[in-house]
Amino acid sequence: MAIPTPADCRFTKEHEWVRLAEDGTAIFGITDYAQDSLGDVVFVELPAPGTQVKQGETFGVVESVKAASDLYAPLSGEVIERNEALEQSPELINRDPYGAGWMIKVRPADLSELSQLLDAAAYDQLTASLH
């Protein structure tokens, strides 16, 4: 059963999400649609804190039993934390893609980049068109 698309996130057409935290950091992950398409996630490669990421460019890799997929940054900025729990338990991405399965936290460089991302309704339209 699909998890409802959270209204407090913005989305890329490549199925990543970003949520702004109260402290101004941006949290990145992959969507429920992405994890469902990938199947069982077995490995995630994420950048170390201090790494600069650029909107639309690769920031890591997620591997499943089916395929390996690049991860694309929804926003530009500096990585300040990565979800170390995913090293031991990459299946968190399958179980809770918008919660415990988050990937990295970034200090955003330019919040105006959010305007280039999809809101929940637009993302739902995108995924509906893919079925």
Protein backbone atom coordinates (compact mmCIF):
# COMPACT_ATOMS: atom_id res chain seq x y z
CA MET A 1 0.00 0.00 0.00
CA ALA A 2 1.37 3.38 -0.99
CA ILE A 3 2.31 5.89 1.66
CA PRO A 4 0.55 9.25 1.15
CA THR A 5 2.80 11.92 -0.37
CA PRO A 6 3.73 14.31 2.46
CA ALA A 7 2.56 17.87 1.88
CA ASP A 8 5.55 19.31 3.79
CA CYS A 9 8.05 18.04 1.19
CA ARG A 10 9.13 19.13 -2.29
CA PHE A 11 10.06 16.59 -4.93
CA THR A 12 12.35 16.09 -7.92
CA LYS A 13 11.23 14.41 -11.13
CA GLU A 14 13.87 11.76 -10.28
CA HIS A 15 11.89 10.82 -7.10
CA GLU A 16 13.92 12.48 -4.36
CA TRP A 17 12.26 14.55 -1.65
CA VAL A 18 13.43 17.43 0.51
CA ARG A 19 11.87 18.67 3.75
CA LEU A 20 12.97 21.83 5.53
CA ALA A 21 13.49 21.31 9.25
CA GLU A 22 12.70 23.97 11.85
CA ASP A 23 16.42 24.71 12.24
CA GLY A 24 16.69 25.62 8.54
CA THR A 25 18.43 22.43 7.44
CA ALA A 26 17.15 20.46 4.46
CA ILE A 27 16.59 16.71 4.81
CA PHE A 28 16.86 14.56 1.64
CA GLY A 29 15.50 11.10 0.88
CA ILE A 30 13.84 9.07 -1.85
CA THR A 31 10.10 8.84 -2.29
CA ASP A 32 7.80 5.94 -1.58
CA TYR A 33 7.35 5.54 -5.35
CA ALA A 34 11.15 5.26 -5.78
CA GLN A 35 11.67 2.70 -3.02
CA ASP A 36 8.70 0.67 -4.28
CA SER A 37 10.12 0.70 -7.84
CA LEU A 38 13.57 -0.30 -6.63
CA GLY A 39 12.44 -3.19 -4.44
CA ASP A 40 14.45 -4.23 -1.39
CA VAL A 41 17.21 -1.68 -0.76
CA VAL A 42 20.46 -3.44 0.18
CA PHE A 43 23.07 -0.66 0.16
CA VAL A 44 23.29 3.14 0.17
CA GLU A 45 26.35 5.26 -0.62
CA LEU A 46 26.08 8.73 0.88
CA PRO A 47 28.45 11.72 0.97
CA ALA A 48 30.44 12.61 4.08
CA PRO A 49 29.66 15.73 6.10
CA GLY A 50 31.39 18.75 4.60
CA THR A 51 30.68 17.63 1.01
CA GLN A 52 29.09 20.24 -1.27
CA VAL A 53 26.07 19.05 -3.27
CA LYS A 54 24.54 20.88 -6.22
CA GLN A 55 20.88 20.87 -7.21
CA GLY A 56 20.22 18.28 -9.92
CA GLU A 57 23.61 16.60 -9.55
CA THR A 58 24.40 13.16 -8.11
CA PHE A 59 24.99 12.98 -4.36
CA GLY A 60 25.05 9.22 -3.84
CA VAL A 61 23.82 5.82 -4.92
CA VAL A 62 21.09 3.50 -3.71
CA GLU A 63 21.33 -0.19 -4.57
CA SER A 64 18.51 -2.70 -4.45
CA VAL A 65 18.12 -6.34 -5.40
CA LYS A 66 16.96 -5.05 -8.82
CA ALA A 67 19.25 -2.14 -9.69
CA ALA A 68 21.59 0.63 -8.61
CA SER A 69 20.29 4.18 -8.99
CA ASP A 70 21.97 7.54 -8.65
CA LEU A 71 20.56 9.97 -6.11
CA TYR A 72 20.05 13.57 -7.29
CA ALA A 73 20.21 16.54 -4.93
CA PRO A 74 16.93 18.47 -4.70
CA LEU A 75 18.84 21.53 -3.40
CA SER A 76 22.42 22.82 -3.37
CA GLY A 77 24.31 23.10 -0.10
CA GLU A 78 26.74 21.52 2.35
CA VAL A 79 26.15 18.08 3.82
CA ILE A 80 26.06 18.39 7.61
CA GLU A 81 24.93 14.87 8.52
CA ARG A 82 24.25 11.51 6.91
CA ASN A 83 21.94 8.84 8.23
CA GLU A 84 24.45 6.38 9.65
CA ALA A 85 21.64 3.94 10.52
CA LEU A 86 21.29 3.16 6.81
CA GLU A 87 24.74 1.53 6.75
CA GLN A 88 23.48 -1.27 8.99
CA SER A 89 19.79 -1.11 8.05
CA PRO A 90 19.28 0.10 4.46
CA GLU A 91 15.80 -1.47 4.55
CA LEU A 92 14.67 1.56 6.60
CA ILE A 93 14.32 3.26 3.21
CA ASN A 94 11.71 0.67 2.22
CA ARG A 95 9.89 0.72 5.56
CA ASP A 96 9.84 4.47 6.24
CA PRO A 97 11.05 6.50 3.21
CA TYR A 98 9.83 9.85 4.62
CA GLY A 99 10.94 9.22 8.20
CA ALA A 100 13.65 6.87 9.49
CA GLY A 101 14.80 6.27 5.90
CA TRP A 102 16.02 9.86 5.39
CA MET A 103 19.47 10.03 3.77
CA ILE A 104 21.34 13.29 4.38
CA LYS A 105 20.89 16.68 6.03
CA VAL A 106 22.13 19.71 4.14
CA ARG A 107 22.66 23.37 4.97
CA PRO A 108 20.91 24.88 1.92
CA ALA A 109 22.82 27.41 -0.16
CA ASP A 110 19.84 28.97 -1.92
CA LEU A 111 16.25 28.40 -0.79
CA SER A 112 14.93 29.92 -4.02
CA GLU A 113 15.83 26.55 -5.61
CA LEU A 114 12.73 25.15 -3.90
CA SER A 115 10.62 26.88 -6.56
CA GLN A 116 12.06 24.50 -9.18
CA LEU A 117 10.73 21.44 -7.33
CA LEU A 118 7.32 19.78 -7.42
CA ASP A 119 4.81 20.10 -4.60
CA ALA A 120 2.95 17.00 -3.37
CA ALA A 121 0.03 17.43 -5.81
CA ALA A 122 2.33 17.86 -8.81
CA TYR A 123 4.42 14.88 -7.72
CA ASP A 124 1.30 12.73 -7.37
CA GLN A 125 0.32 13.74 -10.94
CA LEU A 126 3.80 12.78 -12.16
CA THR A 127 3.72 9.33 -10.56
CA ALA A 128 0.14 8.70 -11.72
CA SER A 129 1.28 9.35 -15.30
CA LEU A 130 4.01 6.69 -14.93
CA HIS A 131 1.62 3.79 -14.27
